[in-house]
Amino acid sequence: MGEHAQRVELPYAPRSARHWAIHDAIDAKRFGVVVCHRRFGKTVLAVNQLIKPALTLRRQRPRYAYIAPTYRQGKAIAWDYLKHYADAVPGRVFNETELRVDFGNGGQVRIYGADNPDALRGIYLDGVVFDEFGLMQGRIWSEVVRPALADRQGWAMFIGTPNGRNAFWELRDAASQDSDWFVIEHKASETGLIDAYELDAARRTMTSDEYAQEWECSFEASVKGAIYASELAEMREQGRIGVVPVAPELPVHTGWDLGVGDATAIWFAQVSGGQIRLIDYYEASGEGLPHYAAVLARKGYVYGKHYGPHDIAVRELGTGRSRIETARALGIAFEVVAAQPLEDGIHAARMMLARSWIDAQRCKAGLDALQNYRWSFNTRLNEFKSSPEHDWASHGSDALRTMASALSDRAPRRRANEQRVVNAGWMG
């Protein structure tokens, strides 16, 4: 900030020595994972971890980012805190439209949502905090944010509460084996930040899994409200998630969810008798149909049916052509899957998973989506809604429903020849 920079006192003091230790850890190492219980104070810690270096870094135009699972969540959870603590800085300017604070030295702290990764492309960052990384698509780190830190050797901290074995769990596991990273975990039974009375009350009103996850930082409990939790657990127990070879003699069918302004997801499957082998998965955003036609060609499979959702036949206002017509011109002949009630589609997907094998490596992004596909939660009524959460996990899950609905329509014609999946290896 220069020799004669004015000293600024922020209205922030870490709640405990544990909070001080987190600030010290990110100062000592570039990357870190902080696993903490509910009401630990992670958001306040996070915004202050960003404000201080934005004011003190001796570089031109320091840039720092707070990334929430969605832009709306970032605004609801962190924006007021950011304004409150930055308000003490003379000359600061708040940009309500972009959820951004600009300081007189050229420093900036901005709130982003992981649901709009394109807003993060092409920028540079000196530091970033991911809040609840487990609710994000893991590739936003590797493909989008990590490159933005490279030029200025910026730092990154991932902070959150467990929510099943998702991307946050994988990152924590990898970080614990990497000397360039730190890992800090804080359970409510150890921090003393929550009164014992409150913890006892929580224990009485929550399931043991919920309590272990929210207050004791357990990754073993399934994602709260996860729609396919039991199906995926059964598949893992029976060894049906692993290496699934591609059978060259079988055609490859595809099931699609075509996004309008967001991601498009594709599952690739082979069918043999009663078995469904999910051999591949692809997802991207911001691309037109020619991109996906090129992806199909590049994979080199011999294709059977391409199953598209019912709205693929709707004509677009700009061109007057439907996407099914555009796809046909690119060599993709879609079969339109009729619209059906959501619960019927989820039931079809569950029935399909009961007789499926999934390749863990080629379908990793799709598996992450299925693992994190969950019912929306009404915090006011403290109950789940009858509709799923619409976030990054819904694209791959919707594509699976397309595939499942199409294959269930075909199932009655071959039911006599099918056998129920048993624990006998993927070859059955």
Protein backbone atom coordinates (compact mmCIF):
# COMPACT_ATOMS: atom_id res chain seq x y z
CA MET A 1 0.00 0.00 0.00
CA GLY A 2 3.02 2.29 -0.01
CA GLU A 3 5.16 3.77 2.77
CA HIS A 4 2.63 6.31 3.96
CA ALA A 5 -0.45 4.09 3.75
CA GLN A 6 -2.95 4.76 6.49
CA ARG A 7 -3.23 2.07 9.16
CA VAL A 8 -6.64 0.38 9.04
CA GLU A 9 -8.26 -1.44 11.95
CA LEU A 10 -10.80 -4.01 10.78
CA PRO A 11 -13.62 -4.90 13.21
CA TYR A 12 -12.50 -8.52 13.24
CA ALA A 13 -10.88 -10.71 15.84
CA PRO A 14 -10.63 -14.49 15.36
CA ARG A 15 -12.99 -16.34 17.71
CA SER A 16 -10.34 -18.67 19.08
CA ALA A 17 -6.79 -19.92 18.75
CA ARG A 18 -8.12 -22.44 16.24
CA HIS A 19 -9.17 -19.62 13.94
CA TRP A 20 -5.79 -17.91 14.32
CA ALA A 21 -4.13 -21.21 13.37
CA ILE A 22 -6.08 -21.35 10.10
CA HIS A 23 -4.97 -17.83 9.13
CA ASP A 24 -1.38 -18.75 9.99
CA ALA A 25 -1.58 -21.99 7.99
CA ILE A 26 -2.64 -20.30 4.73
CA ASP A 27 0.14 -17.75 5.23
CA ALA A 28 2.63 -20.62 5.53
CA LYS A 29 1.41 -22.85 2.68
CA ARG A 30 -0.26 -21.99 -0.63
CA PHE A 31 -3.04 -24.55 -0.45
CA GLY A 32 -5.15 -25.92 2.34
CA VAL A 33 -8.33 -27.75 3.33
CA VAL A 34 -10.29 -26.83 6.44
CA VAL A 35 -13.02 -29.26 7.56
CA CYS A 36 -15.16 -27.73 10.25
CA HIS A 37 -18.44 -28.23 12.05
CA ARG A 38 -21.54 -26.10 11.64
CA ARG A 39 -21.48 -22.66 13.29
CA PHE A 40 -17.68 -22.69 13.38
CA GLY A 41 -17.61 -19.20 11.85
CA LYS A 42 -16.02 -20.19 8.57
CA THR A 43 -17.63 -17.48 6.40
CA VAL A 44 -16.49 -14.65 8.66
CA LEU A 45 -13.02 -16.18 8.75
CA ALA A 46 -13.05 -16.56 4.96
CA VAL A 47 -13.97 -12.97 4.07
CA ASN A 48 -11.37 -11.57 6.47
CA GLN A 49 -8.75 -13.91 5.06
CA LEU A 50 -9.46 -12.19 1.72
CA ILE A 51 -9.74 -8.56 2.87
CA LYS A 52 -6.39 -8.31 4.65
CA PRO A 53 -4.11 -9.29 1.74
CA ALA A 54 -6.24 -7.24 -0.68
CA LEU A 55 -5.16 -4.23 1.40
CA THR A 56 -1.57 -5.20 2.09
CA LEU A 57 -0.22 -7.14 -0.91
CA ARG A 58 2.53 -5.09 -2.55
CA ARG A 59 1.52 -5.82 -6.10
CA GLN A 60 -0.50 -3.94 -8.65
CA ARG A 61 -4.23 -4.58 -8.54
CA PRO A 62 -4.46 -7.50 -6.05
CA ARG A 63 -7.41 -9.76 -6.81
CA TYR A 64 -9.15 -12.08 -4.35
CA ALA A 65 -12.27 -14.23 -4.71
CA TYR A 66 -14.79 -15.93 -2.48
CA ILE A 67 -16.56 -18.76 -4.35
CA ALA A 68 -19.85 -20.18 -3.07
CA PRO A 69 -21.70 -23.16 -4.60
CA THR A 70 -24.09 -20.71 -6.29
CA TYR A 71 -24.02 -16.97 -6.88
CA ARG A 72 -27.27 -16.61 -4.94
CA GLN A 73 -25.78 -18.41 -1.95
CA GLY A 74 -22.70 -16.21 -2.08
CA LYS A 75 -24.86 -13.12 -1.99
CA ALA A 76 -27.04 -14.43 0.84
CA ILE A 77 -24.22 -15.82 2.99
CA ALA A 78 -21.10 -13.73 2.44
CA TRP A 79 -21.95 -10.36 0.90
CA ASP A 80 -23.22 -8.73 4.11
CA TYR A 81 -20.17 -9.97 6.01
CA LEU A 82 -17.85 -8.66 3.31
CA LYS A 83 -19.48 -5.23 3.41
CA HIS A 84 -19.48 -5.14 7.20
CA TYR A 85 -15.77 -5.86 7.63
CA ALA A 86 -14.61 -3.82 4.63
CA ASP A 87 -16.69 -0.82 5.64
CA ALA A 88 -13.95 0.32 8.02
CA VAL A 89 -11.54 0.88 5.10
CA PRO A 90 -11.40 4.53 3.97
CA GLY A 91 -12.27 5.04 0.32
CA ARG A 92 -13.69 1.57 -0.25
CA VAL A 93 -16.35 1.29 -2.96
CA PHE A 94 -19.05 -1.40 -2.93
CA ASN A 95 -20.41 -2.66 -6.25
CA GLU A 96 -23.77 -4.24 -5.44
CA THR A 97 -24.29 -5.53 -8.98
CA GLU A 98 -21.06 -7.51 -9.09
CA LEU A 99 -20.80 -8.27 -5.33
CA ARG A 100 -17.41 -6.59 -5.32
CA VAL A 101 -15.48 -4.24 -3.04
CA ASP A 102 -12.73 -2.05 -4.47
CA PHE A 103 -10.04 -0.53 -2.26
CA GLY A 104 -8.00 2.61 -2.80
CA ASN A 105 -4.77 0.67 -3.41
CA GLY A 106 -6.36 -1.11 -6.39
CA GLY A 107 -7.12 -4.26 -4.41
CA GLN A 108 -10.40 -6.05 -4.91
CA VAL A 109 -12.45 -8.81 -3.28
CA ARG A 110 -15.32 -10.29 -5.24
CA ILE A 111 -17.94 -12.96 -4.64
CA TYR A 112 -18.57 -15.58 -7.32
CA GLY A 113 -20.81 -18.61 -7.71
CA ALA A 114 -19.52 -21.98 -8.88
CA ASP A 115 -22.72 -22.30 -10.92
CA ASN A 116 -21.29 -19.73 -13.35
CA PRO A 117 -17.68 -20.81 -13.98
CA ASP A 118 -17.50 -18.68 -17.12
CA ALA A 119 -17.39 -15.56 -14.90
CA LEU A 120 -14.04 -16.84 -13.57
CA ARG A 121 -12.41 -17.59 -16.90
CA GLY A 122 -9.70 -15.27 -18.14
CA ILE A 123 -9.05 -13.57 -14.80
CA TYR A 124 -6.03 -13.74 -12.47
CA LEU A 125 -6.20 -14.25 -8.74
CA ASP A 126 -3.84 -13.74 -5.82
CA GLY A 127 -5.99 -15.79 -3.48
CA VAL A 128 -9.31 -17.62 -3.32
CA VAL A 129 -11.58 -19.25 -0.75
CA PHE A 130 -13.92 -22.05 -1.80
CA ASP A 131 -16.81 -22.26 0.67
CA GLU A 132 -18.56 -25.68 0.70
CA PHE A 133 -16.48 -27.09 -2.16
CA GLY A 134 -18.31 -30.42 -1.80
CA LEU A 135 -21.41 -28.87 -3.35
CA MET A 136 -19.48 -27.76 -6.43
CA GLN A 137 -18.32 -29.54 -9.52
CA GLY A 138 -14.72 -30.51 -8.81
CA ARG A 139 -13.37 -29.40 -12.18
CA ILE A 140 -14.03 -25.72 -11.40
CA TRP A 141 -10.84 -25.93 -9.34
CA SER A 142 -8.61 -27.87 -11.73
CA GLU A 143 -9.83 -26.39 -15.01
CA VAL A 144 -10.83 -22.84 -14.11
CA VAL A 145 -9.45 -21.47 -10.83
CA ARG A 146 -6.09 -23.24 -10.53
CA PRO A 147 -4.83 -21.70 -13.82
CA ALA A 148 -5.98 -18.26 -12.61
CA LEU A 149 -3.58 -18.54 -9.66
CA ALA A 150 -0.56 -19.62 -11.68
CA ASP A 151 0.88 -16.30 -12.94
CA ARG A 152 1.03 -14.70 -9.48
CA GLN A 153 1.44 -17.90 -7.47
CA GLY A 154 -1.78 -17.23 -5.60
CA TRP A 155 -3.12 -19.30 -2.72
CA ALA A 156 -6.33 -21.29 -2.28
CA MET A 157 -8.24 -22.44 0.78
CA PHE A 158 -11.14 -24.90 0.74
CA ILE A 159 -13.40 -24.71 3.75
CA GLY A 160 -16.60 -26.57 4.53
CA THR A 161 -18.57 -29.23 6.35
CA PRO A 162 -18.66 -32.86 5.09
CA ASN A 163 -21.52 -33.88 2.86
CA GLY A 164 -20.69 -37.43 1.87
CA ARG A 165 -17.74 -38.74 -0.11
CA ASN A 166 -17.77 -36.05 -2.76
CA ALA A 167 -15.17 -33.74 -4.30
CA PHE A 168 -14.42 -32.16 -0.92
CA TRP A 169 -13.63 -35.58 0.56
CA GLU A 170 -11.39 -36.45 -2.39
CA LEU A 171 -9.55 -33.15 -2.07
CA ARG A 172 -9.08 -33.61 1.69
CA ASP A 173 -7.75 -37.12 1.09
CA ALA A 174 -5.30 -35.99 -1.58
CA ALA A 175 -4.18 -32.94 0.43
CA SER A 176 -3.34 -35.07 3.46
CA GLN A 177 -0.70 -36.83 1.35
CA ASP A 178 0.79 -33.69 -0.24
CA SER A 179 3.46 -31.68 1.60
CA ASP A 180 2.46 -28.51 -0.27
CA TRP A 181 -0.97 -28.60 1.39
CA PHE A 182 -2.25 -28.38 4.93
CA VAL A 183 -5.34 -30.11 6.33
CA ILE A 184 -7.12 -28.90 9.46
CA GLU A 185 -10.22 -30.56 10.94
CA HIS A 186 -12.36 -29.19 13.76
CA LYS A 187 -15.13 -31.24 15.38
CA ALA A 188 -17.72 -29.67 17.66
CA SER A 189 -16.80 -32.09 20.44
CA GLU A 190 -13.25 -30.69 20.37
CA THR A 191 -13.55 -26.96 19.70
CA GLY A 192 -15.75 -25.92 22.61
CA LEU A 193 -17.35 -23.27 20.40
CA ILE A 194 -20.86 -24.72 20.77
CA ASP A 195 -22.46 -25.18 24.18
CA ALA A 196 -22.94 -28.76 25.29
CA TYR A 197 -26.65 -28.03 25.75
CA GLU A 198 -26.98 -27.04 22.10
CA LEU A 199 -25.15 -30.15 20.94
CA ASP A 200 -27.35 -32.36 23.08
CA ALA A 201 -30.45 -30.70 21.61
CA ALA A 202 -29.11 -31.24 18.09
CA ARG A 203 -28.37 -34.88 18.83
CA ARG A 204 -31.96 -35.46 19.95
CA THR A 205 -33.48 -33.98 16.79
CA MET A 206 -31.09 -35.42 14.18
CA THR A 207 -30.30 -38.89 12.96
CA SER A 208 -26.93 -40.29 14.01
CA ASP A 209 -25.66 -39.87 10.44
CA GLU A 210 -26.80 -36.26 10.30
CA TYR A 211 -25.22 -35.42 13.63
CA ALA A 212 -21.94 -37.14 12.74
CA GLN A 213 -21.78 -35.24 9.46
CA GLU A 214 -22.82 -31.77 10.62
CA TRP A 215 -21.12 -31.62 14.02
CA GLU A 216 -18.41 -34.29 14.06
CA CYS A 217 -17.12 -33.81 10.50
CA SER A 218 -17.82 -37.36 9.31
CA PHE A 219 -17.49 -38.05 5.60
CA GLU A 220 -18.95 -41.52 6.03
CA ALA A 221 -22.59 -40.37 6.21
CA SER A 222 -24.33 -40.13 2.84
CA VAL A 223 -25.23 -36.81 1.26
CA LYS A 224 -28.26 -35.41 3.07
CA GLY A 225 -31.32 -35.99 0.92
CA ALA A 226 -29.31 -37.86 -1.74
CA ILE A 227 -31.75 -39.42 -4.20
CA TYR A 228 -29.64 -42.35 -5.38
CA ALA A 229 -27.69 -42.98 -2.13
CA SER A 230 -28.93 -46.53 -1.52
CA GLU A 231 -28.60 -47.57 -5.17
CA LEU A 232 -24.99 -46.36 -5.39
CA ALA A 233 -24.12 -47.92 -2.03
CA GLU A 234 -25.48 -51.27 -3.22
CA MET A 235 -23.55 -50.99 -6.48
CA ARG A 236 -20.29 -50.38 -4.61
CA GLU A 237 -20.99 -53.23 -2.20
CA GLN A 238 -21.61 -55.59 -5.11
CA GLY A 239 -18.54 -54.45 -7.04
CA ARG A 240 -20.56 -52.93 -9.88
CA ILE A 241 -18.59 -49.65 -9.90
CA GLY A 242 -15.09 -50.21 -11.20
CA VAL A 243 -13.52 -51.19 -14.52
CA VAL A 244 -16.10 -51.85 -17.23
CA PRO A 245 -14.55 -52.81 -20.57
CA VAL A 246 -16.13 -51.60 -23.79
CA ALA A 247 -17.56 -54.54 -25.75
CA PRO A 248 -16.70 -53.86 -29.42
CA GLU A 249 -19.52 -56.08 -30.66
CA LEU A 250 -22.22 -54.02 -28.88
CA PRO A 251 -23.58 -50.66 -30.05
CA VAL A 252 -23.21 -47.68 -27.73
CA HIS A 253 -26.39 -45.80 -26.85
CA THR A 254 -26.39 -42.25 -25.50
CA GLY A 255 -28.75 -40.47 -23.10
CA TRP A 256 -28.73 -36.66 -23.12
CA ASP A 257 -29.67 -33.65 -21.10
CA LEU A 258 -29.34 -30.66 -23.41
CA GLY A 259 -28.82 -27.46 -21.48
CA VAL A 260 -30.09 -24.08 -22.59
CA GLY A 261 -27.61 -21.60 -21.19
CA ASP A 262 -26.03 -24.23 -18.90
CA ALA A 263 -24.40 -27.65 -19.10
CA THR A 264 -25.15 -30.47 -21.52
CA ALA A 265 -24.53 -34.00 -20.22
CA ILE A 266 -24.26 -37.32 -22.07
CA TRP A 267 -24.18 -40.89 -20.73
CA PHE A 268 -22.81 -43.68 -22.95
CA ALA A 269 -24.18 -47.17 -22.38
CA GLN A 270 -24.09 -50.67 -23.82
CA VAL A 271 -26.94 -53.12 -23.24
CA SER A 272 -26.55 -56.88 -23.14
CA GLY A 273 -29.56 -58.90 -22.08
CA GLY A 274 -30.48 -57.65 -18.64
CA GLN A 275 -27.21 -55.80 -18.12
CA ILE A 276 -26.61 -52.09 -18.68
CA ARG A 277 -22.97 -51.05 -18.83
CA LEU A 278 -22.43 -47.32 -18.36
CA ILE A 279 -19.06 -47.06 -20.03
CA ASP A 280 -18.53 -43.31 -20.48
CA TYR A 281 -19.77 -39.83 -19.61
CA TYR A 282 -19.23 -36.35 -21.02
CA GLU A 283 -20.33 -32.91 -19.90
CA ALA A 284 -19.57 -29.37 -21.00
CA SER A 285 -21.19 -25.94 -20.92
CA GLY A 286 -21.36 -23.02 -23.30
CA GLU A 287 -21.01 -25.23 -26.38
CA GLY A 288 -23.29 -25.79 -29.36
CA LEU A 289 -24.34 -29.08 -30.89
CA PRO A 290 -21.39 -29.14 -33.34
CA HIS A 291 -19.09 -29.48 -30.32
CA TYR A 292 -20.94 -32.55 -29.05
CA ALA A 293 -21.07 -34.09 -32.52
CA ALA A 294 -17.27 -33.77 -32.63
CA VAL A 295 -16.99 -35.38 -29.17
CA LEU A 296 -19.05 -38.37 -30.32
CA ALA A 297 -16.90 -38.76 -33.40
CA ARG A 298 -13.68 -38.46 -31.41
CA LYS A 299 -14.67 -41.21 -28.99
CA GLY A 300 -14.92 -43.60 -31.92
CA TYR A 301 -17.77 -45.77 -30.65
CA VAL A 302 -20.17 -47.59 -32.95
CA TYR A 303 -23.42 -45.91 -31.97
CA GLY A 304 -26.89 -47.33 -31.61
CA LYS A 305 -29.64 -45.00 -30.37
CA HIS A 306 -29.27 -41.39 -29.27
CA TYR A 307 -31.97 -40.60 -26.71
CA GLY A 308 -32.90 -36.95 -26.28
CA PRO A 309 -35.30 -35.24 -23.86
CA HIS A 310 -38.75 -34.21 -25.03
CA ASP A 311 -37.90 -30.50 -25.32
CA ILE A 312 -35.31 -31.20 -28.01
CA ALA A 313 -38.11 -30.89 -30.57
CA VAL A 314 -38.98 -27.30 -29.57
CA ARG A 315 -38.10 -24.78 -32.25
CA GLU A 316 -35.65 -22.05 -31.27
CA LEU A 317 -36.79 -18.48 -31.78
CA GLY A 318 -33.55 -17.32 -33.37
CA THR A 319 -33.30 -19.92 -36.14
CA GLY A 320 -36.79 -21.38 -36.42
CA ARG A 321 -35.18 -24.82 -36.30
CA SER A 322 -35.41 -27.35 -33.50
CA ARG A 323 -32.30 -28.81 -31.97
CA ILE A 324 -33.36 -32.22 -33.22
CA GLU A 325 -33.18 -30.84 -36.78
CA THR A 326 -29.81 -29.23 -36.11
CA ALA A 327 -28.50 -32.49 -34.66
CA ARG A 328 -29.76 -34.49 -37.62
CA ALA A 329 -27.79 -32.24 -39.96
CA LEU A 330 -24.70 -33.06 -37.87
CA GLY A 331 -25.30 -36.81 -38.14
CA ILE A 332 -27.00 -37.36 -34.76
CA ALA A 333 -30.43 -38.91 -35.22
CA PHE A 334 -32.20 -38.46 -31.88
CA GLU A 335 -35.06 -40.54 -30.62
CA VAL A 336 -37.22 -38.26 -28.48
CA VAL A 337 -38.07 -39.64 -25.04
CA ALA A 338 -41.60 -38.66 -24.06
CA ALA A 339 -42.09 -36.36 -21.10
CA GLN A 340 -43.16 -38.07 -17.90
CA PRO A 341 -43.64 -37.13 -14.24
CA LEU A 342 -40.39 -36.56 -12.36
CA GLU A 343 -41.06 -39.34 -9.88
CA ASP A 344 -41.55 -41.83 -12.74
CA GLY A 345 -38.23 -40.84 -14.26
CA ILE A 346 -36.41 -41.19 -10.94
CA HIS A 347 -38.04 -44.60 -10.43
CA ALA A 348 -36.86 -45.66 -13.90
CA ALA A 349 -33.33 -44.50 -13.07
CA ARG A 350 -33.35 -46.46 -9.81
CA MET A 351 -34.52 -49.59 -11.61
CA MET A 352 -31.82 -49.10 -14.22
CA LEU A 353 -29.06 -48.65 -11.62
CA ALA A 354 -30.17 -51.94 -10.02
CA ARG A 355 -28.99 -53.76 -13.16
CA SER A 356 -26.10 -51.51 -14.18
CA TRP A 357 -22.32 -51.47 -13.99
CA ILE A 358 -20.48 -48.13 -14.12
CA ASP A 359 -16.90 -47.52 -15.18
CA ALA A 360 -15.47 -45.55 -12.25
CA GLN A 361 -12.80 -43.70 -14.22
CA ARG A 362 -14.49 -42.75 -17.49
CA CYS A 363 -17.76 -41.94 -15.68
CA LYS A 364 -16.25 -40.16 -12.68
CA ALA A 365 -17.93 -36.80 -13.37
CA GLY A 366 -21.27 -38.54 -13.91
CA LEU A 367 -20.88 -40.54 -10.72
CA ASP A 368 -20.17 -37.33 -8.80
CA ALA A 369 -23.39 -35.91 -10.19
CA LEU A 370 -25.44 -38.95 -9.15
CA GLN A 371 -23.83 -38.97 -5.69
CA ASN A 372 -24.73 -35.30 -5.14
CA TYR A 373 -28.19 -35.27 -6.73
CA ARG A 374 -30.46 -34.49 -3.80
CA TRP A 375 -33.89 -33.28 -2.82
CA SER A 376 -34.23 -29.56 -2.18
CA PHE A 377 -34.54 -28.66 1.47
CA ASN A 378 -37.07 -26.21 2.87
CA THR A 379 -35.19 -24.58 5.75
CA ARG A 380 -38.29 -22.74 6.96
CA LEU A 381 -40.31 -25.94 7.38
CA ASN A 382 -37.25 -28.09 8.11
CA GLU A 383 -38.25 -30.71 5.55
CA PHE A 384 -37.34 -31.87 2.07
CA LYS A 385 -39.29 -30.66 -0.93
CA SER A 386 -40.73 -32.94 -3.58
CA SER A 387 -38.34 -31.58 -6.21
CA PRO A 388 -34.57 -32.06 -6.59
CA GLU A 389 -32.04 -29.28 -6.13
CA HIS A 390 -31.25 -27.70 -9.50
CA ASP A 391 -27.49 -27.33 -9.52
CA TRP A 392 -24.47 -28.79 -11.29
CA ALA A 393 -25.43 -32.33 -10.23
CA SER A 394 -28.82 -32.17 -11.95
CA HIS A 395 -27.44 -32.23 -15.51
CA GLY A 396 -25.83 -35.66 -15.33
CA SER A 397 -28.76 -36.97 -13.31
CA ASP A 398 -31.29 -35.69 -15.84
CA ALA A 399 -29.31 -37.32 -18.65
CA LEU A 400 -29.44 -40.61 -16.77
CA ARG A 401 -33.21 -40.25 -16.40
CA THR A 402 -33.46 -39.77 -20.16
CA MET A 403 -31.50 -42.97 -20.72
CA ALA A 404 -33.42 -44.89 -18.08
CA SER A 405 -36.82 -43.80 -19.37
CA ALA A 406 -35.88 -44.85 -22.90
CA LEU A 407 -34.55 -48.24 -21.83
CA SER A 408 -37.49 -48.91 -19.53
CA ASP A 409 -39.80 -48.40 -22.52
CA ARG A 410 -37.90 -51.18 -24.29
CA ALA A 411 -37.70 -53.45 -21.23
CA PRO A 412 -41.09 -55.23 -21.53
CA ARG A 413 -40.15 -56.56 -24.96
CA ARG A 414 -37.17 -58.47 -23.54
CA ARG A 415 -38.22 -59.12 -19.97
CA ALA A 416 -38.55 -62.85 -20.49
CA ASN A 417 -34.85 -63.08 -21.35
CA GLU A 418 -33.58 -60.91 -18.48
CA GLN A 419 -32.14 -62.05 -15.19
CA ARG A 420 -31.90 -60.02 -12.02
CA VAL A 421 -28.42 -58.69 -11.30
CA VAL A 422 -26.62 -60.77 -8.68
CA ASN A 423 -23.29 -60.34 -6.96
CA ALA A 424 -21.35 -62.29 -9.56
CA GLY A 425 -19.12 -59.69 -11.21
CA TRP A 426 -20.04 -57.37 -14.03
CA MET A 427 -20.01 -60.14 -16.64
CA GLY A 428 -22.90 -61.81 -14.74
